[in-house]
Structure formats: structure tokens, C-alpha cells
């Protein structure tokens, strides 16, 4: 880099600094200064009552979950047998 390029870089930095210093200042508030709107602090009775009659999942979703769970159990059983050596390597 030549001397003129260094001066150009420094002038850009000074320009950014002056723009930032002329911007309006803002008051930053601490988290404790802002009133909490955390929904988990309530007792939840109103929320629970709204969905009281609805099932957590429909039959299709439950059936899919059961299929996946059984497949996972089979895979775990297969891998456990391989790890314990009850299945020969040639059968993998």
C-alpha cells in the first residue's frame, strides 16, 4: 500500500467516527428496567382450559410415531447384537 492509500484509509475511519459521534444518543435500559411479559410465570389455567377438549395428536401422527419408535427399537437391538458379538461380522 502506498502512503496515499494509507491516508485514504485513515480518512475513511475518521469519517465513520465523526458520523457516529454526530448521531443522537440513546438511553439503554437494563433488562430489569423493562416490565416482564413472560407467559410462563402465569398459572396456565386459562391456557389449559382452551385446549382441554383437543387431543395432543391425531391418530395418523400417533401411528407414525409408533412406527418410528418400533424401527428405532429394531435398529438399537441390531446394533447392540453387533456390539456384543452375538451376530457374526459376515452377517452384517
PDB file of N, CA and C in Angstrom:
ATOM      1  N   UNK A   1       0.836  -1.175   0.000  1.00  0.00           N
ATOM      2  CA  UNK A   1       0.000   0.000   0.000  1.00  0.00           C
ATOM      3  C   UNK A   1       0.881   1.237   0.000  1.00  0.00           C
ATOM      4  N   UNK A   2       0.528   2.225  -0.769  1.00  0.00           N
ATOM      5  CA  UNK A   2       1.303   3.462  -0.812  1.00  0.00           C
ATOM      6  C   UNK A   2       0.841   4.374   0.314  1.00  0.00           C
ATOM      7  N   UNK A   3       1.567   5.449   0.506  1.00  0.00           N
ATOM      8  CA  UNK A   3       1.247   6.406   1.565  1.00  0.00           C
ATOM      9  C   UNK A   3      -0.099   7.066   1.323  1.00  0.00           C
ATOM     10  N   UNK A   4      -0.442   7.333   0.067  1.00  0.00           N
ATOM     11  CA  UNK A   4      -1.725   7.985  -0.227  1.00  0.00           C
ATOM     12  C   UNK A   4      -2.889   7.038   0.072  1.00  0.00           C
ATOM     13  N   UNK A   5      -2.697   5.722  -0.150  1.00  0.00           N
ATOM     14  CA  UNK A   5      -3.748   4.760   0.173  1.00  0.00           C
ATOM     15  C   UNK A   5      -3.959   4.669   1.682  1.00  0.00           C
ATOM     16  N   UNK A   6      -2.847   4.737   2.460  1.00  0.00           N
ATOM     17  CA  UNK A   6      -2.944   4.724   3.921  1.00  0.00           C
ATOM     18  C   UNK A   6      -3.702   5.946   4.407  1.00  0.00           C
ATOM     19  N   UNK A   7      -3.402   7.100   3.827  1.00  0.00           N
ATOM     20  CA  UNK A   7      -4.095   8.325   4.221  1.00  0.00           C
ATOM     21  C   UNK A   7      -5.579   8.242   3.887  1.00  0.00           C
ATOM     22  N   UNK A   8      -5.908   7.640   2.737  1.00  0.00           N
ATOM     23  CA  UNK A   8      -7.303   7.476   2.337  1.00  0.00           C
ATOM     24  C   UNK A   8      -8.032   6.570   3.321  1.00  0.00           C
ATOM     25  N   UNK A   9      -7.391   5.465   3.732  1.00  0.00           N
ATOM     26  CA  UNK A   9      -7.995   4.566   4.707  1.00  0.00           C
ATOM     27  C   UNK A   9      -8.232   5.283   6.025  1.00  0.00           C
ATOM     28  N   UNK A  10      -7.281   6.070   6.462  1.00  0.00           N
ATOM     29  CA  UNK A  10      -7.431   6.803   7.722  1.00  0.00           C
ATOM     30  C   UNK A  10      -8.526   7.849   7.620  1.00  0.00           C
ATOM     31  N   UNK A  11      -8.649   8.479   6.470  1.00  0.00           N
ATOM     32  CA  UNK A  11      -9.699   9.486   6.328  1.00  0.00           C
ATOM     33  C   UNK A  11     -11.075   8.826   6.358  1.00  0.00           C
ATOM     34  N   UNK A  12     -11.201   7.629   5.817  1.00  0.00           N
ATOM     35  CA  UNK A  12     -12.470   6.901   5.887  1.00  0.00           C
ATOM     36  C   UNK A  12     -12.819   6.549   7.329  1.00  0.00           C
ATOM     37  N   UNK A  13     -11.828   6.147   8.105  1.00  0.00           N
ATOM     38  CA  UNK A  13     -12.055   5.822   9.509  1.00  0.00           C
ATOM     39  C   UNK A  13     -12.497   7.071  10.255  1.00  0.00           C
ATOM     40  N   UNK A  14     -11.852   8.176  10.007  1.00  0.00           N
ATOM     41  CA  UNK A  14     -12.223   9.421  10.669  1.00  0.00           C
ATOM     42  C   UNK A  14     -13.638   9.846  10.277  1.00  0.00           C
ATOM     43  N   UNK A  15     -14.015   9.627   9.029  1.00  0.00           N
ATOM     44  CA  UNK A  15     -15.348   9.966   8.559  1.00  0.00           C
ATOM     45  C   UNK A  15     -16.395   9.135   9.306  1.00  0.00           C
ATOM     46  N   UNK A  16     -16.136   7.849   9.465  1.00  0.00           N
ATOM     47  CA  UNK A  16     -17.062   6.974  10.189  1.00  0.00           C
ATOM     48  C   UNK A  16     -17.155   7.412  11.641  1.00  0.00           C
ATOM     49  N   UNK A  17     -16.017   7.727  12.261  1.00  0.00           N
ATOM     50  CA  UNK A  17     -16.026   8.170  13.658  1.00  0.00           C
ATOM     51  C   UNK A  17     -16.837   9.448  13.819  1.00  0.00           C
ATOM     52  N   UNK A  18     -16.685  10.385  12.890  1.00  0.00           N
ATOM     53  CA  UNK A  18     -17.415  11.641  13.022  1.00  0.00           C
ATOM     54  C   UNK A  18     -18.903  11.427  12.792  1.00  0.00           C
ATOM     55  N   UNK A  19     -19.287  10.518  11.900  1.00  0.00           N
ATOM     56  CA  UNK A  19     -20.699  10.212  11.685  1.00  0.00           C
ATOM     57  C   UNK A  19     -21.311   9.595  12.936  1.00  0.00           C
ATOM     58  N   UNK A  20     -20.571   8.722  13.573  1.00  0.00           N
ATOM     59  CA  UNK A  20     -21.076   8.075  14.790  1.00  0.00           C
ATOM     60  C   UNK A  20     -21.195   9.069  15.938  1.00  0.00           C
ATOM     61  N   UNK A  21     -20.240   9.971  16.024  1.00  0.00           N
ATOM     62  CA  UNK A  21     -20.276  10.927  17.121  1.00  0.00           C
ATOM     63  C   UNK A  21     -21.382  11.960  16.942  1.00  0.00           C
ATOM     64  N   UNK A  22     -21.825  12.176  15.701  1.00  0.00           N
ATOM     65  CA  UNK A  22     -22.893  13.149  15.478  1.00  0.00           C
ATOM     66  C   UNK A  22     -24.276  12.507  15.532  1.00  0.00           C
ATOM     67  N   UNK A  23     -24.344  11.183  15.659  1.00  0.00           N
ATOM     68  CA  UNK A  23     -25.648  10.523  15.736  1.00  0.00           C
ATOM     69  C   UNK A  23     -26.250  10.751  17.120  1.00  0.00           C
ATOM     70  N   UNK A  24     -27.587  10.766  17.218  1.00  0.00           N
ATOM     71  CA  UNK A  24     -28.218  11.007  18.515  1.00  0.00           C
ATOM     72  C   UNK A  24     -27.905   9.868  19.489  1.00  0.00           C
ATOM     73  N   UNK A  25     -27.827  10.229  20.752  1.00  0.00           N
ATOM     74  CA  UNK A  25     -27.534   9.218  21.757  1.00  0.00           C
ATOM     75  C   UNK A  25     -28.828   8.581  22.216  1.00  0.00           C
ATOM     76  N   UNK A  26     -28.733   7.322  22.565  1.00  0.00           N
ATOM     77  CA  UNK A  26     -29.890   6.581  23.024  1.00  0.00           C
ATOM     78  C   UNK A  26     -29.646   6.086  24.438  1.00  0.00           C
ATOM     79  N   UNK A  27     -30.708   6.053  25.205  1.00  0.00           N
ATOM     80  CA  UNK A  27     -30.608   5.541  26.561  1.00  0.00           C
ATOM     81  C   UNK A  27     -30.855   4.041  26.517  1.00  0.00           C
ATOM     82  N   UNK A  28     -29.895   3.276  27.010  1.00  0.00           N
ATOM     83  CA  UNK A  28     -30.039   1.834  27.029  1.00  0.00           C
ATOM     84  C   UNK A  28     -30.629   1.416  28.367  1.00  0.00           C
ATOM     85  N   UNK A  29     -31.632   0.580  28.313  1.00  0.00           N
ATOM     86  CA  UNK A  29     -32.267   0.120  29.540  1.00  0.00           C
ATOM     87  C   UNK A  29     -31.765  -1.278  29.875  1.00  0.00           C
ATOM     88  N   UNK A  30     -31.630  -1.533  31.139  1.00  0.00           N
ATOM     89  CA  UNK A  30     -31.282  -2.863  31.596  1.00  0.00           C
ATOM     90  C   UNK A  30     -32.504  -3.757  31.491  1.00  0.00           C
ATOM     91  N   UNK A  31     -32.297  -5.055  31.414  1.00  0.00           N
ATOM     92  CA  UNK A  31     -33.411  -5.979  31.312  1.00  0.00           C
ATOM     93  C   UNK A  31     -34.349  -5.847  32.504  1.00  0.00           C
ATOM     94  N   UNK A  32     -33.798  -5.560  33.655  1.00  0.00           N
ATOM     95  CA  UNK A  32     -34.622  -5.461  34.858  1.00  0.00           C
ATOM     96  C   UNK A  32     -35.497  -4.208  34.850  1.00  0.00           C
ATOM     97  N   UNK A  33     -35.160  -3.203  34.011  1.00  0.00           N
ATOM     98  CA  UNK A  33     -35.954  -1.985  33.933  1.00  0.00           C
ATOM     99  C   UNK A  33     -37.238  -2.181  33.142  1.00  0.00           C
ATOM    100  N   UNK A  34     -37.255  -3.193  32.254  1.00  0.00           N
ATOM    101  CA  UNK A  34     -38.387  -3.428  31.388  1.00  0.00           C
ATOM    102  C   UNK A  34     -39.348  -4.385  32.090  1.00  0.00           C
ATOM    103  N   UNK A  35     -40.649  -4.069  32.117  1.00  0.00           N
ATOM    104  CA  UNK A  35     -41.580  -4.981  32.768  1.00  0.00           C
ATOM    105  C   UNK A  35     -41.605  -6.332  32.061  1.00  0.00           C
ATOM    106  N   UNK A  36     -41.668  -7.387  32.837  1.00  0.00           N
ATOM    107  CA  UNK A  36     -41.621  -8.729  32.293  1.00  0.00           C
ATOM    108  C   UNK A  36     -42.955  -9.123  31.690  1.00  0.00           C
ATOM    109  N   UNK A  37     -42.890  -9.715  30.497  1.00  0.00           N
ATOM    110  CA  UNK A  37     -44.094 -10.220  29.855  1.00  0.00           C
ATOM    111  C   UNK A  37     -43.956 -11.727  29.653  1.00  0.00           C
ATOM    112  N   UNK A  38     -43.263 -12.381  30.580  1.00  0.00           N
ATOM    113  CA  UNK A  38     -43.029 -13.813  30.492  1.00  0.00           C
ATOM    114  C   UNK A  38     -44.336 -14.558  30.713  1.00  0.00           C
ATOM    115  N   UNK A  39     -44.747 -15.342  29.726  1.00  0.00           N
ATOM    116  CA  UNK A  39     -46.013 -16.049  29.806  1.00  0.00           C
ATOM    117  C   UNK A  39     -45.924 -17.303  30.665  1.00  0.00           C
ATOM    118  N   UNK A  40     -44.716 -17.770  30.928  1.00  0.00           N
ATOM    119  CA  UNK A  40     -44.576 -18.994  31.697  1.00  0.00           C
ATOM    120  C   UNK A  40     -44.757 -18.765  33.189  1.00  0.00           C
ATOM    121  N   UNK A  41     -44.853 -17.525  33.629  1.00  0.00           N
ATOM    122  CA  UNK A  41     -44.992 -17.260  35.054  1.00  0.00           C
ATOM    123  C   UNK A  41     -46.430 -17.362  35.525  1.00  0.00           C
ATOM    124  N   UNK A  42     -47.377 -17.373  34.600  1.00  0.00           N
ATOM    125  CA  UNK A  42     -48.788 -17.475  34.982  1.00  0.00           C
ATOM    126  C   UNK A  42     -49.116 -18.886  35.428  1.00  0.00           C
ATOM    127  N   UNK A  43     -50.301 -19.050  35.982  1.00  0.00           N
ATOM    128  CA  UNK A  43     -50.677 -20.376  36.448  1.00  0.00           C
ATOM    129  C   UNK A  43     -51.094 -21.283  35.309  1.00  0.00           C
ATOM    130  N   UNK A  44     -51.441 -20.735  34.137  1.00  0.00           N
ATOM    131  CA  UNK A  44     -51.725 -21.519  32.949  1.00  0.00           C
ATOM    132  C   UNK A  44     -53.102 -22.136  32.912  1.00  0.00           C
ATOM    133  N   UNK A  45     -53.940 -21.846  33.867  1.00  0.00           N
ATOM    134  CA  UNK A  45     -55.276 -22.451  33.888  1.00  0.00           C
ATOM    135  C   UNK A  45     -56.103 -22.031  32.685  1.00  0.00           C
ATOM    136  N   UNK A  46     -55.999 -20.771  32.293  1.00  0.00           N
ATOM    137  CA  UNK A  46     -56.754 -20.299  31.141  1.00  0.00           C
ATOM    138  C   UNK A  46     -56.266 -20.982  29.869  1.00  0.00           C
ATOM    139  N   UNK A  47     -54.948 -21.121  29.730  1.00  0.00           N
ATOM    140  CA  UNK A  47     -54.382 -21.754  28.542  1.00  0.00           C
ATOM    141  C   UNK A  47     -54.764 -23.225  28.461  1.00  0.00           C
ATOM    142  N   UNK A  48     -54.690 -23.917  29.578  1.00  0.00           N
ATOM    143  CA  UNK A  48     -55.019 -25.338  29.598  1.00  0.00           C
ATOM    144  C   UNK A  48     -56.488 -25.554  29.288  1.00  0.00           C
ATOM    145  N   UNK A  49     -57.339 -24.689  29.783  1.00  0.00           N
ATOM    146  CA  UNK A  49     -58.777 -24.833  29.558  1.00  0.00           C
ATOM    147  C   UNK A  49     -59.122 -24.631  28.085  1.00  0.00           C
ATOM    148  N   UNK A  50     -58.373 -23.800  27.393  1.00  0.00           N
ATOM    149  CA  UNK A  50     -58.655 -23.521  25.986  1.00  0.00           C
ATOM    150  C   UNK A  50     -58.474 -24.758  25.118  1.00  0.00           C
ATOM    151  N   UNK A  51     -57.560 -25.637  25.480  1.00  0.00           N
ATOM    152  CA  UNK A  51     -57.257 -26.818  24.681  1.00  0.00           C
ATOM    153  C   UNK A  51     -57.615 -28.116  25.399  1.00  0.00           C
ATOM    154  N   UNK A  52     -58.446 -28.032  26.388  1.00  0.00           N
ATOM    155  CA  UNK A  52     -58.778 -29.181  27.222  1.00  0.00           C
ATOM    156  C   UNK A  52     -59.438 -30.304  26.436  1.00  0.00           C
ATOM    157  N   UNK A  53     -60.268 -29.986  25.480  1.00  0.00           N
ATOM    158  CA  UNK A  53     -61.035 -30.992  24.739  1.00  0.00           C
ATOM    159  C   UNK A  53     -60.282 -31.555  23.540  1.00  0.00           C
ATOM    160  N   UNK A  54     -59.185 -30.940  23.146  1.00  0.00           N
ATOM    161  CA  UNK A  54     -58.465 -31.367  21.953  1.00  0.00           C
ATOM    162  C   UNK A  54     -57.425 -32.427  22.288  1.00  0.00           C
ATOM    163  N   UNK A  55     -57.285 -33.463  21.435  1.00  0.00           N
ATOM    164  CA  UNK A  55     -56.233 -34.466  21.666  1.00  0.00           C
ATOM    165  C   UNK A  55     -54.864 -33.850  21.369  1.00  0.00           C
ATOM    166  N   UNK A  56     -53.842 -34.414  21.974  1.00  0.00           N
ATOM    167  CA  UNK A  56     -52.489 -33.899  21.753  1.00  0.00           C
ATOM    168  C   UNK A  56     -52.000 -34.188  20.339  1.00  0.00           C
ATOM    169  N   UNK A  57     -52.448 -35.319  19.760  1.00  0.00           N
ATOM    170  CA  UNK A  57     -52.054 -35.669  18.394  1.00  0.00           C
ATOM    171  C   UNK A  57     -53.181 -36.468  17.755  1.00  0.00           C
ATOM    172  N   UNK A  58     -53.267 -36.378  16.437  1.00  0.00           N
ATOM    173  CA  UNK A  58     -54.301 -37.156  15.755  1.00  0.00           C
ATOM    174  C   UNK A  58     -53.823 -38.599  15.565  1.00  0.00           C
ATOM    175  N   UNK A  59     -54.719 -39.466  15.129  1.00  0.00           N
ATOM    176  CA  UNK A  59     -54.421 -40.894  15.001  1.00  0.00           C
ATOM    177  C   UNK A  59     -53.287 -41.153  14.014  1.00  0.00           C
ATOM    178  N   UNK A  60     -53.264 -40.415  12.914  1.00  0.00           N
ATOM    179  CA  UNK A  60     -52.214 -40.604  11.909  1.00  0.00           C
ATOM    180  C   UNK A  60     -50.836 -40.280  12.482  1.00  0.00           C
ATOM    181  N   UNK A  61     -50.765 -39.197  13.210  1.00  0.00           N
ATOM    182  CA  UNK A  61     -49.497 -38.783  13.823  1.00  0.00           C
ATOM    183  C   UNK A  61     -49.050 -39.811  14.865  1.00  0.00           C
ATOM    184  N   UNK A  62     -49.983 -40.294  15.650  1.00  0.00           N
ATOM    185  CA  UNK A  62     -49.668 -41.291  16.675  1.00  0.00           C
ATOM    186  C   UNK A  62     -49.183 -42.588  16.033  1.00  0.00           C
ATOM    187  N   UNK A  63     -49.835 -43.015  14.954  1.00  0.00           N
ATOM    188  CA  UNK A  63     -49.422 -44.236  14.262  1.00  0.00           C
ATOM    189  C   UNK A  63     -48.026 -44.081  13.678  1.00  0.00           C
ATOM    190  N   UNK A  64     -47.726 -42.928  13.089  1.00  0.00           N
ATOM    191  CA  UNK A  64     -46.392 -42.661  12.534  1.00  0.00           C
ATOM    192  C   UNK A  64     -45.340 -42.698  13.637  1.00  0.00           C
ATOM    193  N   UNK A  65     -45.670 -42.121  14.773  1.00  0.00           N
ATOM    194  CA  UNK A  65     -44.748 -42.131  15.911  1.00  0.00           C
ATOM    195  C   UNK A  65     -44.454 -43.561  16.345  1.00  0.00           C
ATOM    196  N   UNK A  66     -45.488 -44.390  16.436  1.00  0.00           N
ATOM    197  CA  UNK A  66     -45.313 -45.784  16.856  1.00  0.00           C
ATOM    198  C   UNK A  66     -44.450 -46.552  15.854  1.00  0.00           C
ATOM    199  N   UNK A  67     -44.661 -46.324  14.549  1.00  0.00           N
ATOM    200  CA  UNK A  67     -43.838 -46.985  13.528  1.00  0.00           C
ATOM    201  C   UNK A  67     -42.374 -46.584  13.675  1.00  0.00           C
ATOM    202  N   UNK A  68     -42.126 -45.308  13.861  1.00  0.00           N
ATOM    203  CA  UNK A  68     -40.752 -44.828  14.013  1.00  0.00           C
ATOM    204  C   UNK A  68     -40.113 -45.376  15.284  1.00  0.00           C
ATOM    205  N   UNK A  69     -40.881 -45.441  16.347  1.00  0.00           N
ATOM    206  CA  UNK A  69     -40.364 -45.952  17.621  1.00  0.00           C
ATOM    207  C   UNK A  69     -39.988 -47.432  17.488  1.00  0.00           C
ATOM    208  N   UNK A  70     -40.836 -48.222  16.819  1.00  0.00           N
ATOM    209  CA  UNK A  70     -40.537 -49.635  16.616  1.00  0.00           C
ATOM    210  C   UNK A  70     -39.306 -49.818  15.738  1.00  0.00           C
ATOM    211  N   UNK A  71     -39.171 -48.999  14.701  1.00  0.00           N
ATOM    212  CA  UNK A  71     -37.997 -49.068  13.830  1.00  0.00           C
ATOM    213  C   UNK A  71     -36.734 -48.714  14.613  1.00  0.00           C
ATOM    214  N   UNK A  72     -36.820 -47.717  15.473  1.00  0.00           N
ATOM    215  CA  UNK A  72     -35.671 -47.342  16.304  1.00  0.00           C
ATOM    216  C   UNK A  72     -35.290 -48.469  17.257  1.00  0.00           C
ATOM    217  N   UNK A  73     -36.295 -49.137  17.837  1.00  0.00           N
ATOM    218  CA  UNK A  73     -36.028 -50.252  18.745  1.00  0.00           C
ATOM    219  C   UNK A  73     -35.348 -51.408  18.013  1.00  0.00           C
ATOM    220  N   UNK A  74     -35.817 -51.693  16.795  1.00  0.00           N
ATOM    221  CA  UNK A  74     -35.205 -52.758  15.989  1.00  0.00           C
ATOM    222  C   UNK A  74     -33.754 -52.421  15.651  1.00  0.00           C
ATOM    223  N   UNK A  75     -33.514 -51.169  15.268  1.00  0.00           N
ATOM    224  CA  UNK A  75     -32.150 -50.745  14.945  1.00  0.00           C
ATOM    225  C   UNK A  75     -31.257 -50.851  16.173  1.00  0.00           C
ATOM    226  N   UNK A  76     -31.763 -50.413  17.314  1.00  0.00           N
ATOM    227  CA  UNK A  76     -30.976 -50.493  18.549  1.00  0.00           C
ATOM    228  C   UNK A  76     -30.649 -51.946  18.883  1.00  0.00           C
ATOM    229  N   UNK A  77     -31.623 -52.851  18.721  1.00  0.00           N
ATOM    230  CA  UNK A  77     -31.411 -54.269  19.001  1.00  0.00           C
ATOM    231  C   UNK A  77     -30.344 -54.835  18.060  1.00  0.00           C
ATOM    232  N   UNK A  78     -30.434 -54.482  16.772  1.00  0.00           N
ATOM    233  CA  UNK A  78     -29.459 -54.951  15.791  1.00  0.00           C
ATOM    234  C   UNK A  78     -28.057 -54.460  16.127  1.00  0.00           C
ATOM    235  N   UNK A  79     -27.944 -53.184  16.446  1.00  0.00           N
ATOM    236  CA  UNK A  79     -26.630 -52.616  16.767  1.00  0.00           C
ATOM    237  C   UNK A  79     -26.069 -53.175  18.069  1.00  0.00           C
ATOM    238  N   UNK A  80     -26.947 -53.399  19.039  1.00  0.00           N
ATOM    239  CA  UNK A  80     -26.498 -53.977  20.309  1.00  0.00           C
ATOM    240  C   UNK A  80     -25.958 -55.389  20.078  1.00  0.00           C
ATOM    241  N   UNK A  81     -26.636 -56.184  19.238  1.00  0.00           N
ATOM    242  CA  UNK A  81     -26.154 -57.537  18.930  1.00  0.00           C
ATOM    243  C   UNK A  81     -24.809 -57.490  18.232  1.00  0.00           C
ATOM    244  N   UNK A  82     -24.621 -56.527  17.336  1.00  0.00           N
ATOM    245  CA  UNK A  82     -23.324 -56.379  16.670  1.00  0.00           C
ATOM    246  C   UNK A  82     -22.237 -56.017  17.668  1.00  0.00           C
ATOM    247  N   UNK A  83     -22.559 -55.108  18.574  1.00  0.00           N
ATOM    248  CA  UNK A  83     -21.582 -54.659  19.568  1.00  0.00           C
ATOM    249  C   UNK A  83     -21.185 -55.790  20.503  1.00  0.00           C
ATOM    250  N   UNK A  84     -22.168 -56.582  20.913  1.00  0.00           N
ATOM    251  CA  UNK A  84     -21.898 -57.660  21.860  1.00  0.00           C
ATOM    252  C   UNK A  84     -21.279 -58.883  21.184  1.00  0.00           C
ATOM    253  N   UNK A  85     -21.266 -58.909  19.860  1.00  0.00           N
ATOM    254  CA  UNK A  85     -20.641 -60.001  19.127  1.00  0.00           C
ATOM    255  C   UNK A  85     -21.533 -61.198  18.942  1.00  0.00           C
ATOM    256  N   UNK A  86     -22.833 -61.068  19.203  1.00  0.00           N
ATOM    257  CA  UNK A  86     -23.732 -62.204  19.018  1.00  0.00           C
ATOM    258  C   UNK A  86     -24.087 -62.425  17.550  1.00  0.00           C
ATOM    259  N   UNK A  87     -23.770 -61.459  16.707  1.00  0.00           N
ATOM    260  CA  UNK A  87     -24.001 -61.568  15.264  1.00  0.00           C
ATOM    261  C   UNK A  87     -22.636 -61.532  14.584  1.00  0.00           C
ATOM    262  N   UNK A  88     -22.402 -62.485  13.727  1.00  0.00           N
ATOM    263  CA  UNK A  88     -21.116 -62.546  13.026  1.00  0.00           C
ATOM    264  C   UNK A  88     -20.982 -61.377  12.071  1.00  0.00           C
ATOM    265  N   UNK A  89     -19.761 -60.929  11.885  1.00  0.00           N
ATOM    266  CA  UNK A  89     -19.481 -59.786  11.024  1.00  0.00           C
ATOM    267  C   UNK A  89     -19.920 -60.101   9.585  1.00  0.00           C
ATOM    268  N   UNK A  90     -19.841 -61.329   9.181  1.00  0.00           N
ATOM    269  CA  UNK A  90     -20.218 -61.696   7.812  1.00  0.00           C
ATOM    270  C   UNK A  90     -21.716 -61.543   7.586  1.00  0.00           C
ATOM    271  N   UNK A  91     -22.523 -61.459   8.655  1.00  0.00           N
ATOM    272  CA  UNK A  91     -23.964 -61.298   8.521  1.00  0.00           C
ATOM    273  C   UNK A  91     -24.401 -59.829   8.452  1.00  0.00           C
ATOM    274  N   UNK A  92     -23.500 -58.934   8.650  1.00  0.00           N
ATOM    275  CA  UNK A  92     -23.846 -57.521   8.611  1.00  0.00           C
ATOM    276  C   UNK A  92     -24.246 -57.165   7.228  1.00  0.00           C
TER     277      UNK A  92
END
